[in-house]
Amino acid sequence: MSRKEQEMKKHILVVDDDPDILDMVQEILTDEGYRVQTSLNGRCLQRIESDLPDLILLDVLLQGEDGRELCQQLKGREQTRHIPVILFSAHITANSAIEVCGADDFLAKPFRIQELLAIVARRSNPIRNGTDVRCRLSDRDDD
């Protein structure tokens, strides 16, 4: 695959403290043509400045970390606030937390492959589905 083809693929960052889930999600998304990066903890989120992902899948309950707090930090930083964040968790109550932390969506574990693919496709193409128009317009200079 050429470098240009690699750059055109949507870049998905998956953060979960369960290596089995990371492996499964990476395989599913890679098979669908996404470029996938995985991490067992949220420390990677502090270092995403040069190769920003197009979408972040973030577990709510990471070992020693709270995905909701990490999401708030991402949404509070100028360079990362535009990146869609999908929280996922086996704890259904986490669904209500997406409004508090600014997450763009929620996926309950366990999930079906088609549910994962649908939510990733919808959120990784914000211009096409119209959900990111506000962000794009706010980036313009009104001179």
C-alpha atoms as a PDB file:
ATOM      1  CA  MET A   1       0.000   0.000   0.000  1.00  0.00           C
ATOM      2  CA  SER A   2       1.362   3.414  -0.921  1.00  0.00           C
ATOM      3  CA  ARG A   3       1.910   6.161   1.630  1.00  0.00           C
ATOM      4  CA  LYS A   4      -0.895   8.195   0.043  1.00  0.00           C
ATOM      5  CA  GLU A   5      -3.338   5.277   0.352  1.00  0.00           C
ATOM      6  CA  GLN A   6      -2.282   4.829   3.984  1.00  0.00           C
ATOM      7  CA  GLU A   7      -2.877   8.524   4.703  1.00  0.00           C
ATOM      8  CA  MET A   8      -6.349   8.402   3.115  1.00  0.00           C
ATOM      9  CA  LYS A   9      -7.526   5.657   5.465  1.00  0.00           C
ATOM     10  CA  LYS A  10      -9.463   6.845   8.475  1.00  0.00           C
ATOM     11  CA  HIS A  11      -7.270   6.642  11.577  1.00  0.00           C
ATOM     12  CA  ILE A  12      -9.023   5.134  14.604  1.00  0.00           C
ATOM     13  CA  LEU A  13      -7.487   5.118  18.099  1.00  0.00           C
ATOM     14  CA  VAL A  14      -8.885   2.429  20.406  1.00  0.00           C
ATOM     15  CA  VAL A  15      -8.175   2.683  24.148  1.00  0.00           C
ATOM     16  CA  ASP A  16      -9.131  -0.230  26.413  1.00  0.00           C
ATOM     17  CA  ASP A  17      -7.333  -1.996  29.236  1.00  0.00           C
ATOM     18  CA  ASP A  18      -8.436  -5.416  27.962  1.00  0.00           C
ATOM     19  CA  PRO A  19      -5.954  -6.704  25.346  1.00  0.00           C
ATOM     20  CA  ASP A  20      -8.505  -9.194  23.975  1.00  0.00           C
ATOM     21  CA  ILE A  21     -10.965  -6.411  23.198  1.00  0.00           C
ATOM     22  CA  LEU A  22      -8.203  -4.336  21.621  1.00  0.00           C
ATOM     23  CA  ASP A  23      -7.164  -7.251  19.394  1.00  0.00           C
ATOM     24  CA  MET A  24     -10.746  -7.996  18.357  1.00  0.00           C
ATOM     25  CA  VAL A  25     -11.652  -4.364  17.591  1.00  0.00           C
ATOM     26  CA  GLN A  26      -8.382  -3.822  15.741  1.00  0.00           C
ATOM     27  CA  GLU A  27      -8.963  -6.868  13.552  1.00  0.00           C
ATOM     28  CA  ILE A  28     -12.555  -5.902  12.770  1.00  0.00           C
ATOM     29  CA  LEU A  29     -11.731  -2.300  11.886  1.00  0.00           C
ATOM     30  CA  THR A  30      -8.572  -3.164   9.954  1.00  0.00           C
ATOM     31  CA  ASP A  31     -10.551  -5.653   7.871  1.00  0.00           C
ATOM     32  CA  GLU A  32     -12.936  -2.788   7.047  1.00  0.00           C
ATOM     33  CA  GLY A  33     -10.080  -0.628   5.780  1.00  0.00           C
ATOM     34  CA  TYR A  34      -9.422   1.591   8.790  1.00  0.00           C
ATOM     35  CA  ARG A  35      -5.941   2.370  10.096  1.00  0.00           C
ATOM     36  CA  VAL A  36      -6.089   1.324  13.751  1.00  0.00           C
ATOM     37  CA  GLN A  37      -3.864   2.254  16.661  1.00  0.00           C
ATOM     38  CA  THR A  38      -4.461   0.675  20.081  1.00  0.00           C
ATOM     39  CA  SER A  39      -3.481   1.500  23.638  1.00  0.00           C
ATOM     40  CA  LEU A  40      -3.973  -0.223  26.984  1.00  0.00           C
ATOM     41  CA  ASN A  41      -4.214   3.100  28.838  1.00  0.00           C
ATOM     42  CA  GLY A  42      -5.077   6.747  28.410  1.00  0.00           C
ATOM     43  CA  ARG A  43      -1.505   8.051  28.499  1.00  0.00           C
ATOM     44  CA  CYS A  44      -1.445   7.904  24.701  1.00  0.00           C
ATOM     45  CA  LEU A  45      -4.121  10.612  24.636  1.00  0.00           C
ATOM     46  CA  GLN A  46      -1.676  13.140  26.068  1.00  0.00           C
ATOM     47  CA  ARG A  47       0.707  12.530  23.157  1.00  0.00           C
ATOM     48  CA  ILE A  48      -1.652  12.753  20.170  1.00  0.00           C
ATOM     49  CA  GLU A  49      -0.519  15.979  18.598  1.00  0.00           C
ATOM     50  CA  SER A  50       1.137  15.177  15.278  1.00  0.00           C
ATOM     51  CA  ASP A  51      -0.841  12.167  14.046  1.00  0.00           C
ATOM     52  CA  LEU A  52      -4.343  12.998  15.214  1.00  0.00           C
ATOM     53  CA  PRO A  53      -6.863  10.201  14.865  1.00  0.00           C
ATOM     54  CA  ASP A  54     -10.110  10.708  12.979  1.00  0.00           C
ATOM     55  CA  LEU A  55     -12.008   8.999  15.794  1.00  0.00           C
ATOM     56  CA  ILE A  56     -11.329   7.686  19.310  1.00  0.00           C
ATOM     57  CA  LEU A  57     -13.002   4.629  20.834  1.00  0.00           C
ATOM     58  CA  LEU A  58     -12.494   5.014  24.587  1.00  0.00           C
ATOM     59  CA  ASP A  59     -13.381   2.572  27.348  1.00  0.00           C
ATOM     60  CA  VAL A  60     -15.085   4.246  30.304  1.00  0.00           C
ATOM     61  CA  LEU A  61     -13.445   2.198  33.044  1.00  0.00           C
ATOM     62  CA  LEU A  62      -9.738   1.893  32.399  1.00  0.00           C
ATOM     63  CA  GLN A  63      -7.429   0.500  35.039  1.00  0.00           C
ATOM     64  CA  GLY A  64      -6.642   3.489  37.252  1.00  0.00           C
ATOM     65  CA  GLU A  65      -8.233   5.978  34.835  1.00  0.00           C
ATOM     66  CA  ASP A  66     -11.709   7.223  34.037  1.00  0.00           C
ATOM     67  CA  GLY A  67     -12.511   7.434  30.324  1.00  0.00           C
ATOM     68  CA  ARG A  68     -15.051  10.178  31.021  1.00  0.00           C
ATOM     69  CA  GLU A  69     -12.353  12.396  32.512  1.00  0.00           C
ATOM     70  CA  LEU A  70     -10.029  11.623  29.600  1.00  0.00           C
ATOM     71  CA  CYS A  71     -12.831  12.547  27.202  1.00  0.00           C
ATOM     72  CA  GLN A  72     -13.373  15.858  29.001  1.00  0.00           C
ATOM     73  CA  GLN A  73      -9.672  16.609  28.659  1.00  0.00           C
ATOM     74  CA  LEU A  74      -9.754  15.824  24.924  1.00  0.00           C
ATOM     75  CA  LYS A  75     -12.830  17.978  24.371  1.00  0.00           C
ATOM     76  CA  GLY A  76     -11.217  20.792  26.355  1.00  0.00           C
ATOM     77  CA  ARG A  77      -8.072  20.947  24.204  1.00  0.00           C
ATOM     78  CA  GLU A  78      -8.209  23.080  21.075  1.00  0.00           C
ATOM     79  CA  GLN A  79      -6.275  20.603  18.912  1.00  0.00           C
ATOM     80  CA  THR A  80      -8.412  17.574  19.881  1.00  0.00           C
ATOM     81  CA  ARG A  81     -11.918  18.889  20.592  1.00  0.00           C
ATOM     82  CA  HIS A  82     -13.055  18.215  17.003  1.00  0.00           C
ATOM     83  CA  ILE A  83     -12.193  14.490  17.184  1.00  0.00           C
ATOM     84  CA  PRO A  84     -15.288  12.332  17.710  1.00  0.00           C
ATOM     85  CA  VAL A  85     -15.045  10.259  20.888  1.00  0.00           C
ATOM     86  CA  ILE A  86     -17.137   7.123  21.309  1.00  0.00           C
ATOM     87  CA  LEU A  87     -17.237   5.844  24.863  1.00  0.00           C
ATOM     88  CA  PHE A  88     -17.810   2.156  25.325  1.00  0.00           C
ATOM     89  CA  SER A  89     -18.496   0.181  28.470  1.00  0.00           C
ATOM     90  CA  ALA A  90     -20.218  -2.837  29.958  1.00  0.00           C
ATOM     91  CA  HIS A  91     -21.784  -0.472  32.492  1.00  0.00           C
ATOM     92  CA  ILE A  92     -25.004   0.811  30.948  1.00  0.00           C
ATOM     93  CA  THR A  93     -25.080   3.746  33.373  1.00  0.00           C
ATOM     94  CA  ALA A  94     -22.100   5.142  31.491  1.00  0.00           C
ATOM     95  CA  ASN A  95     -24.520   6.059  28.683  1.00  0.00           C
ATOM     96  CA  SER A  96     -25.771   8.989  30.744  1.00  0.00           C
ATOM     97  CA  ALA A  97     -22.182  10.179  31.246  1.00  0.00           C
ATOM     98  CA  ILE A  98     -21.673  11.048  27.587  1.00  0.00           C
ATOM     99  CA  GLU A  99     -23.557  14.292  28.029  1.00  0.00           C
ATOM    100  CA  VAL A 100     -21.451  15.276  31.028  1.00  0.00           C
ATOM    101  CA  CYS A 101     -18.049  14.587  29.457  1.00  0.00           C
ATOM    102  CA  GLY A 102     -18.816  15.701  25.901  1.00  0.00           C
ATOM    103  CA  ALA A 103     -18.509  12.309  24.205  1.00  0.00           C
ATOM    104  CA  ASP A 104     -20.075  12.059  20.776  1.00  0.00           C
ATOM    105  CA  ASP A 105     -21.596   8.619  21.211  1.00  0.00           C
ATOM    106  CA  PHE A 106     -21.779   5.490  23.354  1.00  0.00           C
ATOM    107  CA  LEU A 107     -21.485   1.788  22.564  1.00  0.00           C
ATOM    108  CA  ALA A 108     -22.547  -0.767  25.184  1.00  0.00           C
ATOM    109  CA  LYS A 109     -20.392  -3.860  25.712  1.00  0.00           C
ATOM    110  CA  PRO A 110     -20.867  -6.526  24.647  1.00  0.00           C
ATOM    111  CA  PHE A 111     -21.607  -5.190  21.188  1.00  0.00           C
ATOM    112  CA  ARG A 112     -22.324  -6.734  17.824  1.00  0.00           C
ATOM    113  CA  ILE A 113     -19.790  -6.256  15.055  1.00  0.00           C
ATOM    114  CA  GLN A 114     -22.363  -4.465  12.917  1.00  0.00           C
ATOM    115  CA  GLU A 115     -23.104  -2.024  15.755  1.00  0.00           C
ATOM    116  CA  LEU A 116     -19.411  -1.223  16.061  1.00  0.00           C
ATOM    117  CA  LEU A 117     -18.995  -0.753  12.319  1.00  0.00           C
ATOM    118  CA  ALA A 118     -22.112   1.412  12.024  1.00  0.00           C
ATOM    119  CA  ILE A 119     -21.153   3.789  14.812  1.00  0.00           C
ATOM    120  CA  VAL A 120     -17.550   4.074  13.610  1.00  0.00           C
ATOM    121  CA  ALA A 121     -18.659   4.751  10.031  1.00  0.00           C
ATOM    122  CA  ARG A 122     -21.185   7.353  11.159  1.00  0.00           C
ATOM    123  CA  ARG A 123     -18.818   9.192  13.478  1.00  0.00           C
ATOM    124  CA  SER A 124     -15.652   8.961  11.366  1.00  0.00           C
ATOM    125  CA  ASN A 125     -17.335  10.706   8.415  1.00  0.00           C
ATOM    126  CA  PRO A 126     -18.685  13.837  10.094  1.00  0.00           C
ATOM    127  CA  ILE A 127     -18.751  16.050   7.023  1.00  0.00           C
ATOM    128  CA  ARG A 128     -20.709  13.527   4.999  1.00  0.00           C
ATOM    129  CA  ASN A 129     -23.362  13.046   7.661  1.00  0.00           C
ATOM    130  CA  GLY A 130     -23.504  16.713   8.651  1.00  0.00           C
ATOM    131  CA  THR A 131     -22.573  16.345  12.323  1.00  0.00           C
ATOM    132  CA  ASP A 132     -19.373  18.369  12.084  1.00  0.00           C
ATOM    133  CA  VAL A 133     -20.592  21.387  10.163  1.00  0.00           C
ATOM    134  CA  ARG A 134     -20.521  23.560  13.300  1.00  0.00           C
ATOM    135  CA  CYS A 135     -16.854  22.723  13.964  1.00  0.00           C
ATOM    136  CA  ARG A 136     -15.849  23.346  10.382  1.00  0.00           C
ATOM    137  CA  LEU A 137     -17.604  26.695  10.271  1.00  0.00           C
ATOM    138  CA  SER A 138     -16.082  27.817  13.555  1.00  0.00           C
ATOM    139  CA  ASP A 139     -12.603  27.213  12.131  1.00  0.00           C
ATOM    140  CA  ARG A 140     -13.141  29.900   9.471  1.00  0.00           C
ATOM    141  CA  ASP A 141     -11.799  33.385   9.820  1.00  0.00           C
ATOM    142  CA  ASP A 142     -14.526  35.997   9.671  1.00  0.00           C
ATOM    143  CA  ASP A 143     -12.396  38.795   8.282  1.00  0.00           C
END
